[in-house]
Amino acid sequence: MRENEYDVVVVGAGPVGENAAGYAVAAGLSAALVEDELIGGECSYWACIPSKALLRTPQAVADARRLPGVTADFDPAAVLDRRTAFTADWDDAGQEEWARGAGAAVLRGRGRLTGERTVQVTGHDGTRTTVTARRAVVLATGSVPVTPPVPGLDTVSFWGSREATSAKEVPARLGVLGGGVVGCEMALAFARLGSRVTLFQHGARVLPNAEPVASERVADGLREAGVDLRTDTGLDSVEPAGGDGDAVRLHGGGDVVEVDRLLVATGRRPRSDGLGLDSVGVATTDRGAVPVDDTGLVENGGDWLYAVGDLNGRAPLTHQGKYQARIAAHAIAARAAGRPLDTGPWGADVATADHIAVPQVVFTDPEVAWVGRTADAARAAGLPVRVVDIEIAVAGSSLRADGFSGRAVAVVDTEREVLVGLTFVGPGVADLLHAATVAVVGEVPLRRLWHAVPAFPTLSEVWLRLLEAYRAG
């Protein structure tokens, strides 16, 4: 047994854990990162980065073809090669170099709480190291896929999101179970790379947490890309199709579909198993989330245990996890120095945005970008709302593509006359999102937004059209 001591011990070295350690070091604290897989985590190697690399080239070609006089194509093998370059061929040497350069120690192995401020790290060779945190332990272990109880699923080989984004070849026939973000993005990516894709979605619409118009347009876009989209249709059972490969026979909605690969994309849950939470008296939710306050401090976990990112279940997105990590690191540094925390509304030491202003982009065709509450969510929260729903039809959209089709939905709190949610659907709308996020987070009055003049000719002109529509209301 070997013992080490640091001010902050971070379990999990994905982008969220890296942020927590980096900000802790910047505040003058010593920090160690504990990781049993690749430093850089899910986002860097199996999620955000490789998935967008698979989508980007085909999307650029699709965008180019929407302009007159352009003929464009792409090589699927080159797309896979570019994806692999972004993941450094799943080698984290560069990420480890960054971590050490930032001043954090790197401990390879699986971290587990064994008592107050104590983490046991079990290396791949079985060596165990006891690490003590003088100030705080930060848990940033992310999430793992949820496997649905489909009869026969345990008898076949199937992909999760990791296998899909790291695929070395494009299957001729791909089945996708799940119409959330991963299911929709990967269905589109592989359809454009050459797969014949069949997507099964148990519910009535894809992207069920988005505005209905976003779901409708994404569904249309998937079908236009060649995806056989089957809503209100789950899988009743699956079975091996026989032969030497990994082909699977899918039974759903009274039909049978044979595919070469099956991607199961039915959500994720916090990765809290095996963390030793019981050793310090911390319980998780039914889904395995670790409840925290707005500084990231674990409920009933004393004044030293924090949980950030997907693990706490508040807003399972990389950028929100990094935001939480910044907040937690600042809070740890303040508590270590005996400084009072700024925990008032929108204070520097609380993660307020996780409640009401979470931005998200779905990189389908059309793109979907939204922040804050949908109309239904705002009404469910008891807010007095009015919805402005318009086509994106401005000079900037006309110039971007022939036949441009997009939609903007603004949810306005009519008592305060501020925006509480915005959704954009259409080509390139992700670039509109941060302005929307600033408007929602800043609670900018509409009368003041009227004086934020959009540049001509850009997609941003839609802001003026939304305000005009609200005034005319």
Foldseek 3Di string as FASTA:
>chain_A
DAEAEWQEEEEAQALLSLLLQLLLVVLVTAYAYEEAFARNPCCQQQPVQLLVLLVPPLVVQVLQVLDPPDDDDDALQVSLVVSCVSSVVVDRPVNCVVSVVSRYHYHHAHWADQAPQWIWGQHPVRDIYIYGHNFAYEYEHAWDDDDDPAAAPVVADAAESRCLSNPNDQWQEEEEEAQELSRLSSLLSSLSSHHQYEYEALAQFHNVQDPPVQRVVSVVQSVVSRYNYHYNKGFNHKHQPDDDARWIWTHIPNDIDITRHYYYYHDIAAPQPRRHPVSQPFDAPPRQAFADFFLQHGVSRPRHYGYFERRNVLANDSVLRSVSSSLNSVVSSCVVVVHDFQPDVVGSNGSPLSVFWDWDWRPGAFIKIKTGHDQVRCVVVVAQWDKDKDWLDAPAQVVSGPPWTKMKIWIARVVLQATRMIMITTHPCNVVHVVVSCRNSVRDHLVVVCPVDDDPPHSVCVSVVSSVRVVVD
